[in-house]
Amino acid sequence: MSDRQETHAYEQAKQRAQEAWRSCLDGDVYHAQELLLRTRTEVKRLGGDLPILSHFEGGDSGKSASFVTRSYAEAEAWGWLEMASGLYQLQRDRPGASLMHFKRAWRIWRPWSTLAADETRKLNAARERVRAALWLSASWSRMTSERAARVAEAVWRAALSDIARLDAGDLLAETTRQQSQLPPMPETDHEF
């Protein structure tokens, strides 16, 4: 498969993952699940599973990082797949599983938000990483422990700091609006 064909296939996978995202927000979790399974199979067929630990060249020396993708198109496909999978798990009232997916999405975007050669891609990756952090905070807030409440607040504060740095108030408004569509949180004794 040529690079162009692969990029196109990743773009289609990203679009399916975004459709799964919208289906979750609309409450159609069965359609979302169908799209997620199809998309995960396609993305794995294209490039295998995400490496848990990988070596990449950047800056003065090579570094190790988790969930490093080979191309920006692959990062977009995997990033949206993990985000939609996390939202699907939140809709199914499985905050622990959603944590895993949102953290993976955050990690996917981390190297691209600092090492991308193209400034537009770097900014977009930083915004997607903030989006993942906001949803990661939402997942933590649905866990029922004191530690989870503290972590949710810390992740939220870090995301707000990044939003201010990136001037991304629109992202905060969009995410808050989307999170208001989630099922009610379980009752807890913890306050933020």
C-alpha atoms as a PDB file:
ATOM      1  CA  MET A   1       0.000   0.000   0.000  1.00  0.00           C
ATOM      2  CA  SER A   2       1.394   3.414  -0.934  1.00  0.00           C
ATOM      3  CA  ASP A   3       1.797   6.192   1.628  1.00  0.00           C
ATOM      4  CA  ARG A   4      -1.044   8.101   0.013  1.00  0.00           C
ATOM      5  CA  GLN A   5      -3.386   5.108   0.171  1.00  0.00           C
ATOM      6  CA  GLU A   6      -2.421   4.476   3.788  1.00  0.00           C
ATOM      7  CA  THR A   7      -3.044   8.116   4.698  1.00  0.00           C
ATOM      8  CA  HIS A   8      -6.462   7.919   3.014  1.00  0.00           C
ATOM      9  CA  ALA A   9      -7.301   4.712   4.902  1.00  0.00           C
ATOM     10  CA  TYR A  10      -6.320   6.333   8.212  1.00  0.00           C
ATOM     11  CA  GLU A  11      -8.453   9.366   7.321  1.00  0.00           C
ATOM     12  CA  GLN A  12     -11.454   7.091   6.741  1.00  0.00           C
ATOM     13  CA  ALA A  13     -10.800   5.347  10.052  1.00  0.00           C
ATOM     14  CA  LYS A  14     -10.655   8.733  11.808  1.00  0.00           C
ATOM     15  CA  GLN A  15     -13.980   9.703  10.241  1.00  0.00           C
ATOM     16  CA  ARG A  16     -15.588   6.444  11.429  1.00  0.00           C
ATOM     17  CA  ALA A  17     -14.224   7.011  14.934  1.00  0.00           C
ATOM     18  CA  GLN A  18     -15.643  10.548  14.915  1.00  0.00           C
ATOM     19  CA  GLU A  19     -18.990   9.118  13.784  1.00  0.00           C
ATOM     20  CA  ALA A  20     -18.812   6.674  16.701  1.00  0.00           C
ATOM     21  CA  TRP A  21     -18.110   9.677  18.974  1.00  0.00           C
ATOM     22  CA  ARG A  22     -21.232  11.441  17.693  1.00  0.00           C
ATOM     23  CA  SER A  23     -23.284   8.243  18.057  1.00  0.00           C
ATOM     24  CA  CYS A  24     -22.199   7.968  21.690  1.00  0.00           C
ATOM     25  CA  LEU A  25     -23.170  11.571  22.332  1.00  0.00           C
ATOM     26  CA  ASP A  26     -26.561  10.865  20.747  1.00  0.00           C
ATOM     27  CA  GLY A  27     -26.985   7.822  23.015  1.00  0.00           C
ATOM     28  CA  ASP A  28     -26.802   5.258  20.190  1.00  0.00           C
ATOM     29  CA  VAL A  29     -24.195   3.039  21.850  1.00  0.00           C
ATOM     30  CA  TYR A  30     -24.957   0.003  19.681  1.00  0.00           C
ATOM     31  CA  HIS A  31     -24.162   1.867  16.476  1.00  0.00           C
ATOM     32  CA  ALA A  32     -21.096   3.325  18.167  1.00  0.00           C
ATOM     33  CA  GLN A  33     -19.941  -0.145  19.205  1.00  0.00           C
ATOM     34  CA  GLU A  34     -20.299  -1.401  15.642  1.00  0.00           C
ATOM     35  CA  LEU A  35     -18.258   1.519  14.312  1.00  0.00           C
ATOM     36  CA  LEU A  36     -15.607   1.122  17.019  1.00  0.00           C
ATOM     37  CA  LEU A  37     -15.105  -2.577  16.344  1.00  0.00           C
ATOM     38  CA  ARG A  38     -14.837  -1.987  12.601  1.00  0.00           C
ATOM     39  CA  THR A  39     -12.455   0.943  13.053  1.00  0.00           C
ATOM     40  CA  ARG A  40     -10.202  -0.842  15.548  1.00  0.00           C
ATOM     41  CA  THR A  41      -9.906  -3.802  13.171  1.00  0.00           C
ATOM     42  CA  GLU A  42      -9.060  -1.514  10.253  1.00  0.00           C
ATOM     43  CA  VAL A  43      -6.472   0.540  12.132  1.00  0.00           C
ATOM     44  CA  LYS A  44      -4.779  -2.603  13.469  1.00  0.00           C
ATOM     45  CA  ARG A  45      -4.751  -4.048   9.940  1.00  0.00           C
ATOM     46  CA  LEU A  46      -3.044  -0.925   8.637  1.00  0.00           C
ATOM     47  CA  GLY A  47      -0.248  -0.653  11.161  1.00  0.00           C
ATOM     48  CA  GLY A  48      -0.627  -3.200  13.922  1.00  0.00           C
ATOM     49  CA  ASP A  49      -1.457  -2.365  17.503  1.00  0.00           C
ATOM     50  CA  LEU A  50      -0.025   0.715  19.169  1.00  0.00           C
ATOM     51  CA  PRO A  51       3.372  -0.010  20.670  1.00  0.00           C
ATOM     52  CA  ILE A  52       3.322   0.219  24.448  1.00  0.00           C
ATOM     53  CA  LEU A  53       6.883   1.539  24.344  1.00  0.00           C
ATOM     54  CA  SER A  54       8.639   2.835  21.272  1.00  0.00           C
ATOM     55  CA  HIS A  55      11.852   4.616  20.347  1.00  0.00           C
ATOM     56  CA  PHE A  56      11.754   7.749  18.213  1.00  0.00           C
ATOM     57  CA  GLU A  57      14.253  10.329  17.078  1.00  0.00           C
ATOM     58  CA  GLY A  58      13.620  13.847  18.253  1.00  0.00           C
ATOM     59  CA  GLY A  59      15.734  16.769  19.354  1.00  0.00           C
ATOM     60  CA  ASP A  60      19.322  16.003  20.308  1.00  0.00           C
ATOM     61  CA  SER A  61      18.866  12.307  20.967  1.00  0.00           C
ATOM     62  CA  GLY A  62      16.411   9.459  20.616  1.00  0.00           C
ATOM     63  CA  LYS A  63      13.780   9.065  23.298  1.00  0.00           C
ATOM     64  CA  SER A  64      11.421   6.365  24.429  1.00  0.00           C
ATOM     65  CA  ALA A  65       7.720   7.046  24.677  1.00  0.00           C
ATOM     66  CA  SER A  66       4.518   5.111  24.887  1.00  0.00           C
ATOM     67  CA  PHE A  67       1.938   4.901  22.106  1.00  0.00           C
ATOM     68  CA  VAL A  68       4.080   6.568  19.434  1.00  0.00           C
ATOM     69  CA  THR A  69       2.537   6.517  15.966  1.00  0.00           C
ATOM     70  CA  ARG A  70       4.485   6.527  12.718  1.00  0.00           C
ATOM     71  CA  SER A  71       2.497   9.262  11.002  1.00  0.00           C
ATOM     72  CA  TYR A  72       0.201  12.108  11.881  1.00  0.00           C
ATOM     73  CA  ALA A  73      -2.677  10.428  10.012  1.00  0.00           C
ATOM     74  CA  GLU A  74      -2.160   7.302  12.123  1.00  0.00           C
ATOM     75  CA  ALA A  75      -2.164   9.452  15.286  1.00  0.00           C
ATOM     76  CA  GLU A  76      -5.463  11.036  14.262  1.00  0.00           C
ATOM     77  CA  ALA A  77      -7.081   7.661  13.600  1.00  0.00           C
ATOM     78  CA  TRP A  78      -5.823   6.095  16.833  1.00  0.00           C
ATOM     79  CA  GLY A  79      -6.487   9.251  18.850  1.00  0.00           C
ATOM     80  CA  TRP A  80     -10.112   9.511  17.789  1.00  0.00           C
ATOM     81  CA  LEU A  81     -10.591   5.758  18.129  1.00  0.00           C
ATOM     82  CA  GLU A  82      -9.372   5.895  21.732  1.00  0.00           C
ATOM     83  CA  MET A  83     -11.477   8.990  22.486  1.00  0.00           C
ATOM     84  CA  ALA A  84     -14.632   7.392  21.073  1.00  0.00           C
ATOM     85  CA  SER A  85     -13.859   4.142  22.913  1.00  0.00           C
ATOM     86  CA  GLY A  86     -13.502   6.091  26.162  1.00  0.00           C
ATOM     87  CA  LEU A  87     -16.793   7.880  25.629  1.00  0.00           C
ATOM     88  CA  TYR A  88     -18.458   4.569  24.786  1.00  0.00           C
ATOM     89  CA  GLN A  89     -17.210   3.162  28.102  1.00  0.00           C
ATOM     90  CA  LEU A  90     -18.492   6.217  29.980  1.00  0.00           C
ATOM     91  CA  GLN A  91     -21.896   5.776  28.354  1.00  0.00           C
ATOM     92  CA  ARG A  92     -21.875   2.154  29.562  1.00  0.00           C
ATOM     93  CA  ASP A  93     -21.013   3.385  33.107  1.00  0.00           C
ATOM     94  CA  ARG A  94     -17.515   1.885  33.030  1.00  0.00           C
ATOM     95  CA  PRO A  95     -15.291   4.766  34.159  1.00  0.00           C
ATOM     96  CA  GLY A  96     -12.290   2.504  34.787  1.00  0.00           C
ATOM     97  CA  ALA A  97     -12.267   1.295  31.189  1.00  0.00           C
ATOM     98  CA  SER A  98     -12.793   4.845  29.935  1.00  0.00           C
ATOM     99  CA  LEU A  99      -9.741   5.972  31.917  1.00  0.00           C
ATOM    100  CA  MET A 100      -7.571   3.580  29.948  1.00  0.00           C
ATOM    101  CA  HIS A 101      -8.835   4.846  26.583  1.00  0.00           C
ATOM    102  CA  PHE A 102      -8.627   8.552  27.421  1.00  0.00           C
ATOM    103  CA  LYS A 103      -5.132   8.127  28.835  1.00  0.00           C
ATOM    104  CA  ARG A 104      -4.064   6.303  25.676  1.00  0.00           C
ATOM    105  CA  ALA A 105      -5.471   9.173  23.578  1.00  0.00           C
ATOM    106  CA  TRP A 106      -3.588  11.687  25.730  1.00  0.00           C
ATOM    107  CA  ARG A 107      -0.373   9.702  25.269  1.00  0.00           C
ATOM    108  CA  ILE A 108      -0.877   9.389  21.506  1.00  0.00           C
ATOM    109  CA  TRP A 109      -1.025  13.183  21.154  1.00  0.00           C
ATOM    110  CA  ARG A 110       1.806  13.983  23.561  1.00  0.00           C
ATOM    111  CA  PRO A 111       4.776  13.528  21.160  1.00  0.00           C
ATOM    112  CA  TRP A 112       2.927  15.220  18.281  1.00  0.00           C
ATOM    113  CA  SER A 113       2.100  18.247  20.444  1.00  0.00           C
ATOM    114  CA  THR A 114       5.799  18.902  21.059  1.00  0.00           C
ATOM    115  CA  LEU A 115       7.767  17.317  18.207  1.00  0.00           C
ATOM    116  CA  ALA A 116       5.651  17.844  15.096  1.00  0.00           C
ATOM    117  CA  ALA A 117       7.562  19.801  12.454  1.00  0.00           C
ATOM    118  CA  ASP A 118       4.421  21.504  11.155  1.00  0.00           C
ATOM    119  CA  GLU A 119       3.119  24.221  13.538  1.00  0.00           C
ATOM    120  CA  THR A 120      -0.500  23.593  12.512  1.00  0.00           C
ATOM    121  CA  ARG A 121      -0.207  19.914  13.383  1.00  0.00           C
ATOM    122  CA  LYS A 122       1.572  20.762  16.624  1.00  0.00           C
ATOM    123  CA  LEU A 123      -1.254  23.104  17.660  1.00  0.00           C
ATOM    124  CA  ASN A 124      -3.947  20.622  16.635  1.00  0.00           C
ATOM    125  CA  ALA A 125      -2.188  17.843  18.557  1.00  0.00           C
ATOM    126  CA  ALA A 126      -1.962  20.078  21.633  1.00  0.00           C
ATOM    127  CA  ARG A 127      -5.698  20.792  21.393  1.00  0.00           C
ATOM    128  CA  GLU A 128      -6.513  17.084  21.025  1.00  0.00           C
ATOM    129  CA  ARG A 129      -4.309  16.300  24.017  1.00  0.00           C
ATOM    130  CA  VAL A 130      -6.241  18.892  26.062  1.00  0.00           C
ATOM    131  CA  ARG A 131      -9.536  17.362  24.883  1.00  0.00           C
ATOM    132  CA  ALA A 132      -8.299  13.970  26.064  1.00  0.00           C
ATOM    133  CA  ALA A 133      -7.276  15.476  29.422  1.00  0.00           C
ATOM    134  CA  LEU A 134     -10.735  17.008  29.924  1.00  0.00           C
ATOM    135  CA  TRP A 135     -12.374  13.649  29.283  1.00  0.00           C
ATOM    136  CA  LEU A 136      -9.782  11.899  31.435  1.00  0.00           C
ATOM    137  CA  SER A 137     -10.783  14.220  34.258  1.00  0.00           C
ATOM    138  CA  ALA A 138     -14.448  13.351  33.675  1.00  0.00           C
ATOM    139  CA  SER A 139     -13.589   9.648  33.941  1.00  0.00           C
ATOM    140  CA  TRP A 140     -11.673  10.152  37.161  1.00  0.00           C
ATOM    141  CA  SER A 141     -14.556  12.170  38.610  1.00  0.00           C
ATOM    142  CA  ARG A 142     -16.851   9.162  38.117  1.00  0.00           C
ATOM    143  CA  MET A 143     -14.623   6.893  40.185  1.00  0.00           C
ATOM    144  CA  THR A 144     -15.613   6.486  43.819  1.00  0.00           C
ATOM    145  CA  SER A 145     -12.555   7.108  45.931  1.00  0.00           C
ATOM    146  CA  GLU A 146     -10.867  10.076  47.547  1.00  0.00           C
ATOM    147  CA  ARG A 147      -7.805   9.585  45.386  1.00  0.00           C
ATOM    148  CA  ALA A 148      -9.928   9.645  42.230  1.00  0.00           C
ATOM    149  CA  ALA A 149     -11.480  12.955  43.260  1.00  0.00           C
ATOM    150  CA  ARG A 150      -8.032  14.490  43.829  1.00  0.00           C
ATOM    151  CA  VAL A 151      -6.688  13.167  40.538  1.00  0.00           C
ATOM    152  CA  ALA A 152      -9.751  14.414  38.645  1.00  0.00           C
ATOM    153  CA  GLU A 153      -9.238  17.878  40.090  1.00  0.00           C
ATOM    154  CA  ALA A 154      -5.502  17.864  39.287  1.00  0.00           C
ATOM    155  CA  VAL A 155      -6.078  16.732  35.694  1.00  0.00           C
ATOM    156  CA  TRP A 156      -8.820  19.350  35.324  1.00  0.00           C
ATOM    157  CA  ARG A 157      -6.536  22.140  36.593  1.00  0.00           C
ATOM    158  CA  ALA A 158      -3.743  21.053  34.226  1.00  0.00           C
ATOM    159  CA  ALA A 159      -6.179  21.000  31.303  1.00  0.00           C
ATOM    160  CA  LEU A 160      -7.458  24.477  32.190  1.00  0.00           C
ATOM    161  CA  SER A 161      -3.876  25.736  32.286  1.00  0.00           C
ATOM    162  CA  ASP A 162      -3.261  24.297  28.804  1.00  0.00           C
ATOM    163  CA  ILE A 163      -6.533  25.798  27.558  1.00  0.00           C
ATOM    164  CA  ALA A 164      -5.429  29.229  28.743  1.00  0.00           C
ATOM    165  CA  ARG A 165      -1.985  28.783  27.128  1.00  0.00           C
ATOM    166  CA  LEU A 166      -3.532  27.661  23.816  1.00  0.00           C
ATOM    167  CA  ASP A 167      -6.395  30.186  23.959  1.00  0.00           C
ATOM    168  CA  ALA A 168      -8.777  27.252  23.465  1.00  0.00           C
ATOM    169  CA  GLY A 169     -11.868  28.377  25.341  1.00  0.00           C
ATOM    170  CA  ASP A 170     -13.967  26.990  22.485  1.00  0.00           C
ATOM    171  CA  LEU A 171     -12.642  23.502  23.250  1.00  0.00           C
ATOM    172  CA  LEU A 172     -13.633  23.852  26.912  1.00  0.00           C
ATOM    173  CA  ALA A 173     -17.143  25.013  25.953  1.00  0.00           C
ATOM    174  CA  GLU A 174     -17.559  22.174  23.442  1.00  0.00           C
ATOM    175  CA  THR A 175     -16.345  19.534  25.882  1.00  0.00           C
ATOM    176  CA  THR A 176     -18.502  20.853  28.734  1.00  0.00           C
ATOM    177  CA  ARG A 177     -21.553  20.792  26.455  1.00  0.00           C
ATOM    178  CA  GLN A 178     -20.759  17.211  25.393  1.00  0.00           C
ATOM    179  CA  GLN A 179     -20.147  16.037  28.947  1.00  0.00           C
ATOM    180  CA  SER A 180     -23.537  17.391  29.988  1.00  0.00           C
ATOM    181  CA  GLN A 181     -25.060  14.726  27.708  1.00  0.00           C
ATOM    182  CA  LEU A 182     -23.535  11.875  29.720  1.00  0.00           C
ATOM    183  CA  PRO A 183     -25.706   9.789  32.021  1.00  0.00           C
ATOM    184  CA  PRO A 184     -25.821  11.120  35.588  1.00  0.00           C
ATOM    185  CA  MET A 185     -22.806  10.409  37.773  1.00  0.00           C
ATOM    186  CA  PRO A 186     -23.229   7.880  40.570  1.00  0.00           C
ATOM    187  CA  GLU A 187     -23.746   9.352  44.025  1.00  0.00           C
ATOM    188  CA  THR A 188     -20.498   9.829  45.978  1.00  0.00           C
ATOM    189  CA  ASP A 189     -19.448  11.392  49.254  1.00  0.00           C
ATOM    190  CA  HIS A 190     -16.591  13.313  47.603  1.00  0.00           C
ATOM    191  CA  GLU A 191     -16.638  16.986  46.670  1.00  0.00           C
ATOM    192  CA  PHE A 192     -14.383  18.869  44.237  1.00  0.00           C
END
